[in-house]
């Protein structure tokens, strides 16, 4: 599956490279896995509800999530990266 990262996610990843290289590696590992098998159990993929009802989430680790929507072309557009509370806040 094709992956597109929003400018916001790219910026957050640039900041993470300096602050937390290990988490950065985990993000890219999960994105690689997502491209190969979007339904792999370790991604803990799930559809969101409420105001994020058109989005899906994958887990990077126990506290970090990435949120995406599907583009009309079928690509995954990741637009949020952060802790559970950061990505699911209203």
Protein backbone atom coordinates (compact mmCIF):
# COMPACT_ATOMS: atom_id res chain seq x y z
CA UNK A 1 0.00 0.00 0.00
CA UNK A 2 1.24 3.49 -0.81
CA UNK A 3 1.92 5.79 2.15
CA UNK A 4 1.78 9.58 2.16
CA UNK A 5 2.98 11.55 5.19
CA UNK A 6 1.51 14.97 5.94
CA UNK A 7 3.90 17.88 6.43
CA UNK A 8 2.97 17.85 10.11
CA UNK A 9 3.98 14.18 10.47
CA UNK A 10 7.22 14.77 8.53
CA UNK A 11 8.05 17.67 10.84
CA UNK A 12 7.33 15.59 13.93
CA UNK A 13 9.57 12.81 12.61
CA UNK A 14 12.41 15.28 12.03
CA UNK A 15 12.11 16.38 15.64
CA UNK A 16 11.98 12.79 16.87
CA UNK A 17 15.23 11.91 15.10
CA UNK A 18 17.05 14.24 17.48
CA UNK A 19 15.04 13.56 20.64
CA UNK A 20 14.26 9.85 20.35
CA UNK A 21 16.07 7.86 17.66
CA UNK A 22 14.67 4.59 18.97
CA UNK A 23 11.07 5.76 18.55
CA UNK A 24 11.91 7.06 15.08
CA UNK A 25 13.16 3.61 14.11
CA UNK A 26 9.96 2.06 15.47
CA UNK A 27 7.82 4.47 13.41
CA UNK A 28 9.62 3.55 10.19
CA UNK A 29 9.53 -0.16 11.07
CA UNK A 30 5.75 0.00 11.54
CA UNK A 31 5.30 1.99 8.32
CA UNK A 32 7.34 -0.62 6.41
CA UNK A 33 5.20 -3.35 7.93
CA UNK A 34 2.05 -1.42 7.04
CA UNK A 35 3.16 -1.15 3.40
CA UNK A 36 3.75 -4.90 3.28
CA UNK A 37 0.76 -6.07 5.31
CA UNK A 38 -1.65 -3.36 6.54
CA UNK A 39 -3.53 -5.91 8.65
CA UNK A 40 -0.53 -7.32 10.55
CA UNK A 41 -1.54 -7.92 14.18
CA UNK A 42 1.37 -5.91 15.63
CA UNK A 43 -0.04 -2.75 14.02
CA UNK A 44 -3.22 -3.07 16.10
CA UNK A 45 -5.09 -1.44 13.24
CA UNK A 46 -8.52 -0.13 14.14
CA UNK A 47 -11.15 2.19 12.71
CA UNK A 48 -11.86 5.29 14.74
CA UNK A 49 -15.24 6.66 15.78
CA UNK A 50 -16.78 10.04 16.50
CA UNK A 51 -15.21 13.08 14.89
CA UNK A 52 -12.39 10.86 13.55
CA UNK A 53 -14.84 8.34 12.08
CA UNK A 54 -13.33 8.48 8.60
CA UNK A 55 -9.87 7.60 9.96
CA UNK A 56 -7.89 4.57 11.03
CA UNK A 57 -5.12 4.17 13.59
CA UNK A 58 -2.03 2.01 13.90
CA UNK A 59 0.15 1.56 16.97
CA UNK A 60 3.86 2.30 16.91
CA UNK A 61 4.38 1.19 20.51
CA UNK A 62 2.32 1.07 23.70
CA UNK A 63 1.78 4.83 23.80
CA UNK A 64 2.42 6.11 20.26
CA UNK A 65 -0.18 6.11 17.49
CA UNK A 66 -0.39 7.15 13.86
CA UNK A 67 -3.72 8.19 12.35
CA UNK A 68 -4.53 8.02 8.65
CA UNK A 69 -7.31 8.25 6.10
CA UNK A 70 -7.54 6.59 2.73
CA UNK A 71 -7.22 8.82 -0.31
CA UNK A 72 -9.57 8.33 -3.28
CA UNK A 73 -6.64 6.61 -5.02
CA UNK A 74 -6.32 4.11 -2.16
CA UNK A 75 -3.17 5.48 -0.52
CA UNK A 76 -2.86 5.83 3.25
CA UNK A 77 -2.47 9.50 4.19
CA UNK A 78 -0.95 9.69 7.68
CA UNK A 79 -1.79 13.04 9.26
CA UNK A 80 -1.25 12.53 13.00
CA UNK A 81 1.61 11.08 15.01
CA UNK A 82 1.84 11.22 18.78
CA UNK A 83 0.74 9.76 22.07
CA UNK A 84 -2.73 8.34 22.47
CA UNK A 85 -3.96 11.57 24.07
CA UNK A 86 -2.32 13.80 21.43
CA UNK A 87 -3.81 12.06 18.40
CA UNK A 88 -7.28 11.41 19.78
CA UNK A 89 -7.94 14.83 21.31
CA UNK A 90 -10.87 16.74 19.90
